[in-house]
Amino acid sequence: MSQDILQQIGGTPLVRLRRIGSRLPCEIWVKCEHLNPGGSIKDRIALAIVDDAEARGVLRPGMTLIEGTAGNTGAGLALVAAARGCRLVCVMPEKMSIDKRSTLAALGVEVIITPNAPPSSPDNFRNVAERLSRENGWFLTDQFRNPANVRIHQETTAKEILEQTGGSIGAFVAGAGTGGSSSGVGRRLKAHHKDIRVVLADPVGSALAAWVETGSPGPDGSYAVEGIGAAEPPLNLHRDVIDSVERISDDESFEVTRRLIREEGLLVGGSSGTNVAAAMRVAASGQVSGPIVTVLPDSWDRYRSKAWMQAPWPN
């Protein structure tokens, strides 16, 4: 019997897509991270970062946490803060859905909205979070640079995938928000077998795809998918782990998301569509011989106000 909701983080199921990609030469399996208590993969890093900070003595009872977030890490941190008796402040760019803002507010989080500013701007959400941390003496959880992020995916997410597949994996596909899952899972899987390919699923408009391929970020464009892609690579995204990139448009991401919901019964958000669309391309390429594993990062409930979710769906 669990004594704490935080003990329910992780241990998510891995399921095979039975309809989507059924005619492809490789099976596609999805790690259902949207079934974590806070509704996303970010629950894992929220707990890991707080546990690590408490163990090092830099986070003490009653302190205020602050994070720059697209929303999911904020929800995960809200669960942890509630269980540990801390206050939480989240800084979000205005691009993110009103559903995420409402969710965080309902969880008792103070939400600060910033313009969609580039990383060089003082108004960028991450820079605002760092400034408020310094000015107020709040603990910056710093998901984009905190090594506990990558470490928890090596120790839990990758370990679960290896156990659930019996170690038989052809490729691992994931988008990058902080880079923790791509880097942590990818490195652990490659340590298991060097021939496992790690593929970045990147939105068209993100600068990360070009950075993986050339070492220099590409042009910073606009895209509607939330939580993945960036104008510059986060410190927790390790380029040496990634073998290749698939660029996925918003239209393809949202089309595949609708298919996941309608055809597979998986109630997920837009970045899940990005990941599965990229996995389908890898499966069709003929370059891998084993099953392809990807992640479903979050739940559909935080996107219901978005135009792509409200638009009429084809029957």
C-alpha atoms as a PDB file:
ATOM      1  CA  MET A   1       0.000   0.000   0.000  1.00  0.00           C
ATOM      2  CA  SER A   2       1.415   3.412  -1.001  1.00  0.00           C
ATOM      3  CA  GLN A   3       1.795   5.985   1.750  1.00  0.00           C
ATOM      4  CA  ASP A   4       2.251   8.945  -0.596  1.00  0.00           C
ATOM      5  CA  ILE A   5       1.028   9.973  -4.071  1.00  0.00           C
ATOM      6  CA  LEU A   6       4.658  10.574  -5.002  1.00  0.00           C
ATOM      7  CA  GLN A   7       5.288   6.826  -4.760  1.00  0.00           C
ATOM      8  CA  GLN A   8       3.012   6.412  -7.785  1.00  0.00           C
ATOM      9  CA  ILE A   9       5.386   8.340 -10.062  1.00  0.00           C
ATOM     10  CA  GLY A  10       6.983   6.113 -12.701  1.00  0.00           C
ATOM     11  CA  GLY A  11       6.311   2.478 -13.450  1.00  0.00           C
ATOM     12  CA  THR A  12       4.164   3.509 -16.423  1.00  0.00           C
ATOM     13  CA  PRO A  13       2.969   0.905 -18.943  1.00  0.00           C
ATOM     14  CA  LEU A  14       4.593   0.282 -22.317  1.00  0.00           C
ATOM     15  CA  VAL A  15       1.984  -0.625 -24.932  1.00  0.00           C
ATOM     16  CA  ARG A  16       2.158  -1.575 -28.586  1.00  0.00           C
ATOM     17  CA  LEU A  17       0.337   0.526 -31.177  1.00  0.00           C
ATOM     18  CA  ARG A  18      -2.057  -1.977 -32.734  1.00  0.00           C
ATOM     19  CA  ARG A  19      -3.555   0.152 -35.518  1.00  0.00           C
ATOM     20  CA  ILE A  20      -1.240   3.086 -36.141  1.00  0.00           C
ATOM     21  CA  GLY A  21       1.791   1.838 -38.030  1.00  0.00           C
ATOM     22  CA  SER A  22       0.486  -1.732 -38.105  1.00  0.00           C
ATOM     23  CA  ARG A  23       1.690  -2.200 -41.694  1.00  0.00           C
ATOM     24  CA  LEU A  24       5.193  -0.920 -41.003  1.00  0.00           C
ATOM     25  CA  PRO A  25       8.120  -3.371 -40.858  1.00  0.00           C
ATOM     26  CA  CYS A  26       8.861  -2.604 -37.176  1.00  0.00           C
ATOM     27  CA  GLU A  27       6.547  -2.564 -34.176  1.00  0.00           C
ATOM     28  CA  ILE A  28       6.054   0.751 -32.371  1.00  0.00           C
ATOM     29  CA  TRP A  29       5.733   0.706 -28.583  1.00  0.00           C
ATOM     30  CA  VAL A  30       4.760   3.749 -26.519  1.00  0.00           C
ATOM     31  CA  LYS A  31       5.667   4.525 -22.912  1.00  0.00           C
ATOM     32  CA  CYS A  32       2.505   5.964 -21.338  1.00  0.00           C
ATOM     33  CA  GLU A  33       3.999   8.814 -19.335  1.00  0.00           C
ATOM     34  CA  HIS A  34       0.677  10.667 -19.464  1.00  0.00           C
ATOM     35  CA  LEU A  35      -0.501   8.186 -16.809  1.00  0.00           C
ATOM     36  CA  ASN A  36       1.796   9.601 -14.126  1.00  0.00           C
ATOM     37  CA  PRO A  37      -0.128  11.246 -11.226  1.00  0.00           C
ATOM     38  CA  GLY A  38       0.501  14.765 -12.527  1.00  0.00           C
ATOM     39  CA  GLY A  39      -0.306  13.771 -16.097  1.00  0.00           C
ATOM     40  CA  SER A  40       3.159  13.893 -17.619  1.00  0.00           C
ATOM     41  CA  ILE A  41       6.695  12.566 -17.815  1.00  0.00           C
ATOM     42  CA  LYS A  42       7.833  15.646 -15.880  1.00  0.00           C
ATOM     43  CA  ASP A  43       6.610  14.150 -12.601  1.00  0.00           C
ATOM     44  CA  ARG A  44       9.781  12.062 -12.634  1.00  0.00           C
ATOM     45  CA  ILE A  45      12.161  15.014 -12.804  1.00  0.00           C
ATOM     46  CA  ALA A  46      10.140  17.140 -10.382  1.00  0.00           C
ATOM     47  CA  LEU A  47      10.500  14.553  -7.633  1.00  0.00           C
ATOM     48  CA  ALA A  48      14.133  13.798  -8.510  1.00  0.00           C
ATOM     49  CA  ILE A  49      15.186  17.452  -8.435  1.00  0.00           C
ATOM     50  CA  VAL A  50      13.507  18.116  -5.083  1.00  0.00           C
ATOM     51  CA  ASP A  51      14.857  14.898  -3.539  1.00  0.00           C
ATOM     52  CA  ASP A  52      18.364  15.768  -4.727  1.00  0.00           C
ATOM     53  CA  ALA A  53      18.184  19.346  -3.403  1.00  0.00           C
ATOM     54  CA  GLU A  54      16.897  18.186  -0.022  1.00  0.00           C
ATOM     55  CA  ALA A  55      19.648  15.561   0.215  1.00  0.00           C
ATOM     56  CA  ARG A  56      22.298  18.211  -0.515  1.00  0.00           C
ATOM     57  CA  GLY A  57      20.799  20.579   2.058  1.00  0.00           C
ATOM     58  CA  VAL A  58      20.144  23.407  -0.410  1.00  0.00           C
ATOM     59  CA  LEU A  59      16.356  23.064  -0.153  1.00  0.00           C
ATOM     60  CA  ARG A  60      14.918  23.370   3.333  1.00  0.00           C
ATOM     61  CA  PRO A  61      11.352  22.962   4.624  1.00  0.00           C
ATOM     62  CA  GLY A  62       9.126  25.932   3.906  1.00  0.00           C
ATOM     63  CA  MET A  63      11.260  27.375   1.100  1.00  0.00           C
ATOM     64  CA  THR A  64       9.683  28.619  -2.128  1.00  0.00           C
ATOM     65  CA  LEU A  65      10.419  26.745  -5.361  1.00  0.00           C
ATOM     66  CA  ILE A  66      10.484  28.525  -8.726  1.00  0.00           C
ATOM     67  CA  GLU A  67      10.731  27.109 -12.247  1.00  0.00           C
ATOM     68  CA  GLY A  68      10.445  28.319 -15.814  1.00  0.00           C
ATOM     69  CA  THR A  69       8.105  25.789 -17.376  1.00  0.00           C
ATOM     70  CA  ALA A  70       5.879  25.007 -20.336  1.00  0.00           C
ATOM     71  CA  GLY A  71       3.422  23.718 -17.732  1.00  0.00           C
ATOM     72  CA  ASN A  72       4.099  20.039 -17.186  1.00  0.00           C
ATOM     73  CA  THR A  73       7.106  20.375 -14.897  1.00  0.00           C
ATOM     74  CA  GLY A  74       5.078  22.935 -12.992  1.00  0.00           C
ATOM     75  CA  ALA A  75       2.283  20.427 -12.415  1.00  0.00           C
ATOM     76  CA  GLY A  76       4.781  17.802 -11.270  1.00  0.00           C
ATOM     77  CA  LEU A  77       6.475  20.261  -8.937  1.00  0.00           C
ATOM     78  CA  ALA A  78       3.065  21.281  -7.565  1.00  0.00           C
ATOM     79  CA  LEU A  79       2.435  17.687  -6.483  1.00  0.00           C
ATOM     80  CA  VAL A  80       5.845  17.490  -4.831  1.00  0.00           C
ATOM     81  CA  ALA A  81       5.503  20.917  -3.218  1.00  0.00           C
ATOM     82  CA  ALA A  82       2.123  19.968  -1.771  1.00  0.00           C
ATOM     83  CA  ALA A  83       3.528  16.752  -0.314  1.00  0.00           C
ATOM     84  CA  ARG A  84       6.620  18.495   1.078  1.00  0.00           C
ATOM     85  CA  GLY A  85       4.967  21.681   2.369  1.00  0.00           C
ATOM     86  CA  CYS A  86       6.633  24.122  -0.031  1.00  0.00           C
ATOM     87  CA  ARG A  87       5.310  27.076  -2.030  1.00  0.00           C
ATOM     88  CA  LEU A  88       5.730  27.061  -5.820  1.00  0.00           C
ATOM     89  CA  VAL A  89       6.020  29.846  -8.390  1.00  0.00           C
ATOM     90  CA  CYS A  90       5.938  28.983 -12.117  1.00  0.00           C
ATOM     91  CA  VAL A  91       6.974  31.287 -14.945  1.00  0.00           C
ATOM     92  CA  MET A  92       5.388  30.391 -18.300  1.00  0.00           C
ATOM     93  CA  PRO A  93       5.607  31.912 -21.793  1.00  0.00           C
ATOM     94  CA  GLU A  94       2.291  33.187 -23.113  1.00  0.00           C
ATOM     95  CA  LYS A  95       2.334  30.586 -25.930  1.00  0.00           C
ATOM     96  CA  MET A  96       1.303  27.875 -23.497  1.00  0.00           C
ATOM     97  CA  SER A  97      -2.320  26.832 -23.205  1.00  0.00           C
ATOM     98  CA  ILE A  98      -4.830  28.433 -20.864  1.00  0.00           C
ATOM     99  CA  ASP A  99      -5.572  24.892 -19.655  1.00  0.00           C
ATOM    100  CA  LYS A 100      -2.074  24.647 -18.198  1.00  0.00           C
ATOM    101  CA  ARG A 101      -2.427  28.001 -16.458  1.00  0.00           C
ATOM    102  CA  SER A 102      -5.771  26.948 -14.965  1.00  0.00           C
ATOM    103  CA  THR A 103      -4.353  23.616 -13.828  1.00  0.00           C
ATOM    104  CA  LEU A 104      -1.424  25.239 -12.068  1.00  0.00           C
ATOM    105  CA  ALA A 105      -3.637  27.853 -10.434  1.00  0.00           C
ATOM    106  CA  ALA A 106      -5.982  25.130  -9.179  1.00  0.00           C
ATOM    107  CA  LEU A 107      -2.955  23.402  -7.652  1.00  0.00           C
ATOM    108  CA  GLY A 108      -2.179  26.543  -5.678  1.00  0.00           C
ATOM    109  CA  VAL A 109       0.743  27.671  -7.825  1.00  0.00           C
ATOM    110  CA  GLU A 110       1.539  31.352  -8.389  1.00  0.00           C
ATOM    111  CA  VAL A 111       1.710  31.664 -12.197  1.00  0.00           C
ATOM    112  CA  ILE A 112       3.662  34.435 -13.926  1.00  0.00           C
ATOM    113  CA  ILE A 113       3.168  34.822 -17.702  1.00  0.00           C
ATOM    114  CA  THR A 114       5.938  36.272 -19.871  1.00  0.00           C
ATOM    115  CA  PRO A 115       6.121  37.272 -23.552  1.00  0.00           C
ATOM    116  CA  ASN A 116       7.310  34.666 -26.069  1.00  0.00           C
ATOM    117  CA  ALA A 117      10.796  36.173 -25.908  1.00  0.00           C
ATOM    118  CA  PRO A 118      14.031  34.622 -27.243  1.00  0.00           C
ATOM    119  CA  PRO A 119      16.641  33.214 -24.839  1.00  0.00           C
ATOM    120  CA  SER A 120      18.723  36.399 -25.126  1.00  0.00           C
ATOM    121  CA  SER A 121      15.886  38.587 -23.822  1.00  0.00           C
ATOM    122  CA  PRO A 122      15.506  39.430 -20.116  1.00  0.00           C
ATOM    123  CA  ASP A 123      11.782  38.752 -20.643  1.00  0.00           C
ATOM    124  CA  ASN A 124      12.388  35.112 -21.612  1.00  0.00           C
ATOM    125  CA  PHE A 125      10.586  32.858 -19.147  1.00  0.00           C
ATOM    126  CA  ARG A 126      13.751  31.109 -17.999  1.00  0.00           C
ATOM    127  CA  ASN A 127      15.579  34.384 -17.447  1.00  0.00           C
ATOM    128  CA  VAL A 128      12.656  35.791 -15.469  1.00  0.00           C
ATOM    129  CA  ALA A 129      12.635  32.686 -13.248  1.00  0.00           C
ATOM    130  CA  GLU A 130      16.395  33.022 -12.606  1.00  0.00           C
ATOM    131  CA  ARG A 131      16.056  36.725 -11.772  1.00  0.00           C
ATOM    132  CA  LEU A 132      13.173  36.174  -9.347  1.00  0.00           C
ATOM    133  CA  SER A 133      15.113  33.355  -7.712  1.00  0.00           C
ATOM    134  CA  ARG A 134      18.080  35.658  -7.054  1.00  0.00           C
ATOM    135  CA  GLU A 135      15.976  38.586  -5.905  1.00  0.00           C
ATOM    136  CA  ASN A 136      13.800  36.599  -3.499  1.00  0.00           C
ATOM    137  CA  GLY A 137      16.098  33.834  -2.311  1.00  0.00           C
ATOM    138  CA  TRP A 138      13.826  31.187  -3.859  1.00  0.00           C
ATOM    139  CA  PHE A 139      15.123  27.769  -4.889  1.00  0.00           C
ATOM    140  CA  LEU A 140      15.418  27.523  -8.696  1.00  0.00           C
ATOM    141  CA  THR A 141      14.726  23.924  -9.663  1.00  0.00           C
ATOM    142  CA  ASP A 142      16.416  24.620 -13.031  1.00  0.00           C
ATOM    143  CA  GLN A 143      15.089  21.679 -15.060  1.00  0.00           C
ATOM    144  CA  PHE A 144      17.029  22.635 -18.196  1.00  0.00           C
ATOM    145  CA  ARG A 145      20.441  22.370 -16.484  1.00  0.00           C
ATOM    146  CA  ASN A 146      19.928  20.274 -13.363  1.00  0.00           C
ATOM    147  CA  PRO A 147      21.792  16.949 -13.770  1.00  0.00           C
ATOM    148  CA  ALA A 148      19.189  15.199 -11.601  1.00  0.00           C
ATOM    149  CA  ASN A 149      16.905  15.469 -14.638  1.00  0.00           C
ATOM    150  CA  VAL A 150      19.084  13.306 -16.882  1.00  0.00           C
ATOM    151  CA  ARG A 151      20.006  10.985 -14.033  1.00  0.00           C
ATOM    152  CA  ILE A 152      16.415  10.061 -13.104  1.00  0.00           C
ATOM    153  CA  HIS A 153      15.676   9.036 -16.704  1.00  0.00           C
ATOM    154  CA  GLN A 154      18.768   6.829 -16.724  1.00  0.00           C
ATOM    155  CA  GLU A 155      17.826   5.252 -13.405  1.00  0.00           C
ATOM    156  CA  THR A 156      14.067   4.811 -13.898  1.00  0.00           C
ATOM    157  CA  THR A 157      12.624   5.479 -17.370  1.00  0.00           C
ATOM    158  CA  ALA A 158      15.362   3.629 -19.257  1.00  0.00           C
ATOM    159  CA  LYS A 159      15.473   0.832 -16.695  1.00  0.00           C
ATOM    160  CA  GLU A 160      11.714   0.303 -17.061  1.00  0.00           C
ATOM    161  CA  ILE A 161      11.948   0.272 -20.870  1.00  0.00           C
ATOM    162  CA  LEU A 162      14.702  -2.343 -20.811  1.00  0.00           C
ATOM    163  CA  GLU A 163      12.705  -4.534 -18.427  1.00  0.00           C
ATOM    164  CA  GLN A 164       9.468  -4.122 -20.403  1.00  0.00           C
ATOM    165  CA  THR A 165      11.082  -4.961 -23.759  1.00  0.00           C
ATOM    166  CA  GLY A 166      13.440  -7.635 -22.509  1.00  0.00           C
ATOM    167  CA  GLY A 167      16.222  -5.430 -23.854  1.00  0.00           C
ATOM    168  CA  SER A 168      15.110  -5.892 -27.476  1.00  0.00           C
ATOM    169  CA  ILE A 169      14.993  -2.377 -28.950  1.00  0.00           C
ATOM    170  CA  GLY A 170      15.873  -1.075 -32.378  1.00  0.00           C
ATOM    171  CA  ALA A 171      15.474   2.648 -31.720  1.00  0.00           C
ATOM    172  CA  PHE A 172      14.340   5.137 -29.116  1.00  0.00           C
ATOM    173  CA  VAL A 173      12.542   8.252 -30.382  1.00  0.00           C
ATOM    174  CA  ALA A 174      11.751  11.364 -28.340  1.00  0.00           C
ATOM    175  CA  GLY A 175      11.371  15.116 -28.620  1.00  0.00           C
ATOM    176  CA  ALA A 176      13.437  17.394 -26.408  1.00  0.00           C
ATOM    177  CA  GLY A 177      12.113  20.035 -24.043  1.00  0.00           C
ATOM    178  CA  THR A 178      14.813  19.977 -21.381  1.00  0.00           C
ATOM    179  CA  GLY A 179      16.624  17.104 -23.116  1.00  0.00           C
ATOM    180  CA  GLY A 180      16.531  14.929 -20.008  1.00  0.00           C
ATOM    181  CA  SER A 181      14.595  11.995 -21.424  1.00  0.00           C
ATOM    182  CA  SER A 182      16.461  11.889 -24.750  1.00  0.00           C
ATOM    183  CA  SER A 183      19.838  12.102 -23.037  1.00  0.00           C
ATOM    184  CA  GLY A 184      19.135   9.944 -19.989  1.00  0.00           C
ATOM    185  CA  VAL A 185      17.177   7.174 -21.678  1.00  0.00           C
ATOM    186  CA  GLY A 186      19.337   7.276 -24.779  1.00  0.00           C
ATOM    187  CA  ARG A 187      22.614   6.949 -22.902  1.00  0.00           C
ATOM    188  CA  ARG A 188      21.367   4.030 -20.770  1.00  0.00           C
ATOM    189  CA  LEU A 189      19.995   2.193 -23.813  1.00  0.00           C
ATOM    190  CA  LYS A 190      23.235   2.640 -25.748  1.00  0.00           C
ATOM    191  CA  ALA A 191      25.162   1.307 -22.773  1.00  0.00           C
ATOM    192  CA  HIS A 192      22.922  -1.769 -22.973  1.00  0.00           C
ATOM    193  CA  HIS A 193      23.520  -2.207 -26.719  1.00  0.00           C
ATOM    194  CA  LYS A 194      25.574   0.161 -28.852  1.00  0.00           C
ATOM    195  CA  ASP A 195      23.458  -0.417 -31.975  1.00  0.00           C
ATOM    196  CA  ILE A 196      20.246   1.032 -30.492  1.00  0.00           C
ATOM    197  CA  ARG A 197      19.538   4.243 -32.415  1.00  0.00           C
ATOM    198  CA  VAL A 198      18.448   7.400 -30.601  1.00  0.00           C
ATOM    199  CA  VAL A 199      16.350   9.734 -32.752  1.00  0.00           C
ATOM    200  CA  LEU A 200      15.297  13.287 -31.918  1.00  0.00           C
ATOM    201  CA  ALA A 201      11.733  14.207 -32.910  1.00  0.00           C
ATOM    202  CA  ASP A 202      11.848  17.960 -33.458  1.00  0.00           C
ATOM    203  CA  PRO A 203       9.083  20.390 -34.488  1.00  0.00           C
ATOM    204  CA  VAL A 204       9.551  22.246 -37.757  1.00  0.00           C
ATOM    205  CA  GLY A 205      10.599  25.706 -36.555  1.00  0.00           C
ATOM    206  CA  SER A 206      12.796  24.472 -33.709  1.00  0.00           C
ATOM    207  CA  ALA A 207      16.537  25.138 -33.891  1.00  0.00           C
ATOM    208  CA  LEU A 208      17.527  21.812 -32.327  1.00  0.00           C
ATOM    209  CA  ALA A 209      17.452  19.638 -35.449  1.00  0.00           C
ATOM    210  CA  ALA A 210      20.139  21.700 -37.167  1.00  0.00           C
ATOM    211  CA  TRP A 211      22.198  21.738 -33.963  1.00  0.00           C
ATOM    212  CA  VAL A 212      22.187  17.942 -33.796  1.00  0.00           C
ATOM    213  CA  GLU A 213      23.187  17.673 -37.465  1.00  0.00           C
ATOM    214  CA  THR A 214      25.756  20.485 -37.682  1.00  0.00           C
ATOM    215  CA  GLY A 215      26.631  21.655 -34.179  1.00  0.00           C
ATOM    216  CA  SER A 216      25.010  25.051 -34.748  1.00  0.00           C
ATOM    217  CA  PRO A 217      21.356  25.910 -33.956  1.00  0.00           C
ATOM    218  CA  GLY A 218      19.128  26.564 -36.943  1.00  0.00           C
ATOM    219  CA  PRO A 219      16.799  29.524 -37.453  1.00  0.00           C
ATOM    220  CA  ASP A 220      14.345  30.137 -34.618  1.00  0.00           C
ATOM    221  CA  GLY A 221      10.863  29.722 -36.101  1.00  0.00           C
ATOM    222  CA  SER A 222       7.348  29.476 -34.725  1.00  0.00           C
ATOM    223  CA  TYR A 223       5.395  26.286 -34.094  1.00  0.00           C
ATOM    224  CA  ALA A 224       2.300  25.349 -32.114  1.00  0.00           C
ATOM    225  CA  VAL A 225       3.375  22.073 -30.479  1.00  0.00           C
ATOM    226  CA  GLU A 226       4.133  22.738 -26.824  1.00  0.00           C
ATOM    227  CA  GLY A 227       6.863  21.482 -24.523  1.00  0.00           C
ATOM    228  CA  ILE A 228       9.455  20.370 -27.090  1.00  0.00           C
ATOM    229  CA  GLY A 229      11.854  22.168 -29.409  1.00  0.00           C
ATOM    230  CA  ALA A 230      13.858  25.281 -28.585  1.00  0.00           C
ATOM    231  CA  ALA A 231      15.753  28.230 -30.025  1.00  0.00           C
ATOM    232  CA  GLU A 232      18.968  26.953 -28.469  1.00  0.00           C
ATOM    233  CA  PRO A 233      19.993  23.575 -27.017  1.00  0.00           C
ATOM    234  CA  PRO A 234      19.464  23.116 -23.278  1.00  0.00           C
ATOM    235  CA  LEU A 235      22.444  21.933 -21.271  1.00  0.00           C
ATOM    236  CA  ASN A 236      20.667  18.650 -20.491  1.00  0.00           C
ATOM    237  CA  LEU A 237      20.408  17.707 -24.177  1.00  0.00           C
ATOM    238  CA  HIS A 238      23.543  15.713 -24.983  1.00  0.00           C
ATOM    239  CA  ARG A 239      24.319  15.833 -28.688  1.00  0.00           C
ATOM    240  CA  ASP A 240      26.674  12.845 -28.573  1.00  0.00           C
ATOM    241  CA  VAL A 241      23.789  10.525 -27.639  1.00  0.00           C
ATOM    242  CA  ILE A 242      21.615  11.387 -30.661  1.00  0.00           C
ATOM    243  CA  ASP A 243      22.099   9.569 -33.959  1.00  0.00           C
ATOM    244  CA  SER A 244      19.609  11.365 -36.208  1.00  0.00           C
ATOM    245  CA  VAL A 245      16.653  13.750 -36.357  1.00  0.00           C
ATOM    246  CA  GLU A 246      13.141  13.688 -37.778  1.00  0.00           C
ATOM    247  CA  ARG A 247      11.518  17.086 -38.395  1.00  0.00           C
ATOM    248  CA  ILE A 248       7.754  16.978 -37.815  1.00  0.00           C
ATOM    249  CA  SER A 249       5.307  19.735 -38.765  1.00  0.00           C
ATOM    250  CA  ASP A 250       2.479  20.929 -36.528  1.00  0.00           C
ATOM    251  CA  ASP A 251      -0.102  19.515 -38.939  1.00  0.00           C
ATOM    252  CA  GLU A 252       1.483  16.053 -38.852  1.00  0.00           C
ATOM    253  CA  SER A 253       1.868  16.172 -35.066  1.00  0.00           C
ATOM    254  CA  PHE A 254      -1.770  17.043 -34.473  1.00  0.00           C
ATOM    255  CA  GLU A 255      -3.057  14.588 -37.077  1.00  0.00           C
ATOM    256  CA  VAL A 256      -1.187  11.727 -35.401  1.00  0.00           C
ATOM    257  CA  THR A 257      -2.327  12.916 -31.954  1.00  0.00           C
ATOM    258  CA  ARG A 258      -5.945  12.676 -33.089  1.00  0.00           C
ATOM    259  CA  ARG A 259      -5.263   9.182 -34.396  1.00  0.00           C
ATOM    260  CA  LEU A 260      -3.727   8.149 -31.066  1.00  0.00           C
ATOM    261  CA  ILE A 261      -6.870   9.345 -29.307  1.00  0.00           C
ATOM    262  CA  ARG A 262      -9.410   7.940 -31.781  1.00  0.00           C
ATOM    263  CA  GLU A 263      -7.699   4.743 -32.950  1.00  0.00           C
ATOM    264  CA  GLU A 264      -5.659   3.677 -29.922  1.00  0.00           C
ATOM    265  CA  GLY A 265      -7.622   5.150 -27.013  1.00  0.00           C
ATOM    266  CA  LEU A 266      -4.546   7.029 -25.782  1.00  0.00           C
ATOM    267  CA  LEU A 267      -5.623  10.395 -24.357  1.00  0.00           C
ATOM    268  CA  VAL A 268      -2.474  12.392 -25.079  1.00  0.00           C
ATOM    269  CA  GLY A 269      -1.227  15.831 -26.097  1.00  0.00           C
ATOM    270  CA  GLY A 270       0.399  17.207 -29.230  1.00  0.00           C
ATOM    271  CA  SER A 271       4.005  16.251 -28.533  1.00  0.00           C
ATOM    272  CA  SER A 272       2.913  12.608 -28.389  1.00  0.00           C
ATOM    273  CA  GLY A 273       1.861  13.009 -32.010  1.00  0.00           C
ATOM    274  CA  THR A 274       5.287  14.453 -32.831  1.00  0.00           C
ATOM    275  CA  ASN A 275       7.033  11.490 -31.232  1.00  0.00           C
ATOM    276  CA  VAL A 276       4.857   8.840 -32.861  1.00  0.00           C
ATOM    277  CA  ALA A 277       5.033  10.516 -36.285  1.00  0.00           C
ATOM    278  CA  ALA A 278       8.831  10.416 -36.025  1.00  0.00           C
ATOM    279  CA  ALA A 279       8.745   6.797 -34.845  1.00  0.00           C
ATOM    280  CA  MET A 280       6.630   5.880 -37.871  1.00  0.00           C
ATOM    281  CA  ARG A 281       9.210   7.418 -40.182  1.00  0.00           C
ATOM    282  CA  VAL A 282      12.016   5.509 -38.486  1.00  0.00           C
ATOM    283  CA  ALA A 283      10.018   2.293 -38.771  1.00  0.00           C
ATOM    284  CA  ALA A 284       9.412   2.897 -42.486  1.00  0.00           C
ATOM    285  CA  SER A 285      13.065   3.705 -43.185  1.00  0.00           C
ATOM    286  CA  GLY A 286      14.244   0.104 -42.984  1.00  0.00           C
ATOM    287  CA  GLN A 287      17.297   1.223 -40.985  1.00  0.00           C
ATOM    288  CA  VAL A 288      16.338  -0.563 -37.748  1.00  0.00           C
ATOM    289  CA  SER A 289      15.461  -4.198 -37.217  1.00  0.00           C
ATOM    290  CA  GLY A 290      13.959  -4.212 -33.735  1.00  0.00           C
ATOM    291  CA  PRO A 291      10.960  -2.575 -32.072  1.00  0.00           C
ATOM    292  CA  ILE A 292      10.861   1.214 -31.856  1.00  0.00           C
ATOM    293  CA  VAL A 293      10.080   2.769 -28.483  1.00  0.00           C
ATOM    294  CA  THR A 294       8.841   6.306 -27.946  1.00  0.00           C
ATOM    295  CA  VAL A 295       7.148   8.230 -25.143  1.00  0.00           C
ATOM    296  CA  LEU A 296       3.737   9.831 -24.745  1.00  0.00           C
ATOM    297  CA  PRO A 297       4.817  12.832 -22.659  1.00  0.00           C
ATOM    298  CA  ASP A 298       1.517  14.252 -21.435  1.00  0.00           C
ATOM    299  CA  SER A 299      -2.266  14.115 -21.315  1.00  0.00           C
ATOM    300  CA  TRP A 300      -4.863  15.711 -23.585  1.00  0.00           C
ATOM    301  CA  ASP A 301      -6.618  17.557 -20.738  1.00  0.00           C
ATOM    302  CA  ARG A 302      -4.186  20.474 -20.896  1.00  0.00           C
ATOM    303  CA  TYR A 303      -4.874  21.278 -24.558  1.00  0.00           C
ATOM    304  CA  ARG A 304      -8.660  21.385 -24.827  1.00  0.00           C
ATOM    305  CA  SER A 305      -8.708  25.163 -25.360  1.00  0.00           C
ATOM    306  CA  LYS A 306      -6.249  25.006 -28.261  1.00  0.00           C
ATOM    307  CA  ALA A 307      -7.438  25.510 -31.820  1.00  0.00           C
ATOM    308  CA  TRP A 308      -6.111  22.135 -33.004  1.00  0.00           C
ATOM    309  CA  MET A 309      -8.139  20.341 -30.341  1.00  0.00           C
ATOM    310  CA  GLN A 310     -11.327  22.336 -30.877  1.00  0.00           C
ATOM    311  CA  ALA A 311     -11.303  22.102 -34.685  1.00  0.00           C
ATOM    312  CA  PRO A 312     -13.716  19.548 -36.201  1.00  0.00           C
ATOM    313  CA  TRP A 313     -12.149  16.103 -36.307  1.00  0.00           C
ATOM    314  CA  PRO A 314     -12.556  13.886 -39.366  1.00  0.00           C
ATOM    315  CA  ASN A 315     -14.668  10.778 -38.820  1.00  0.00           C
END
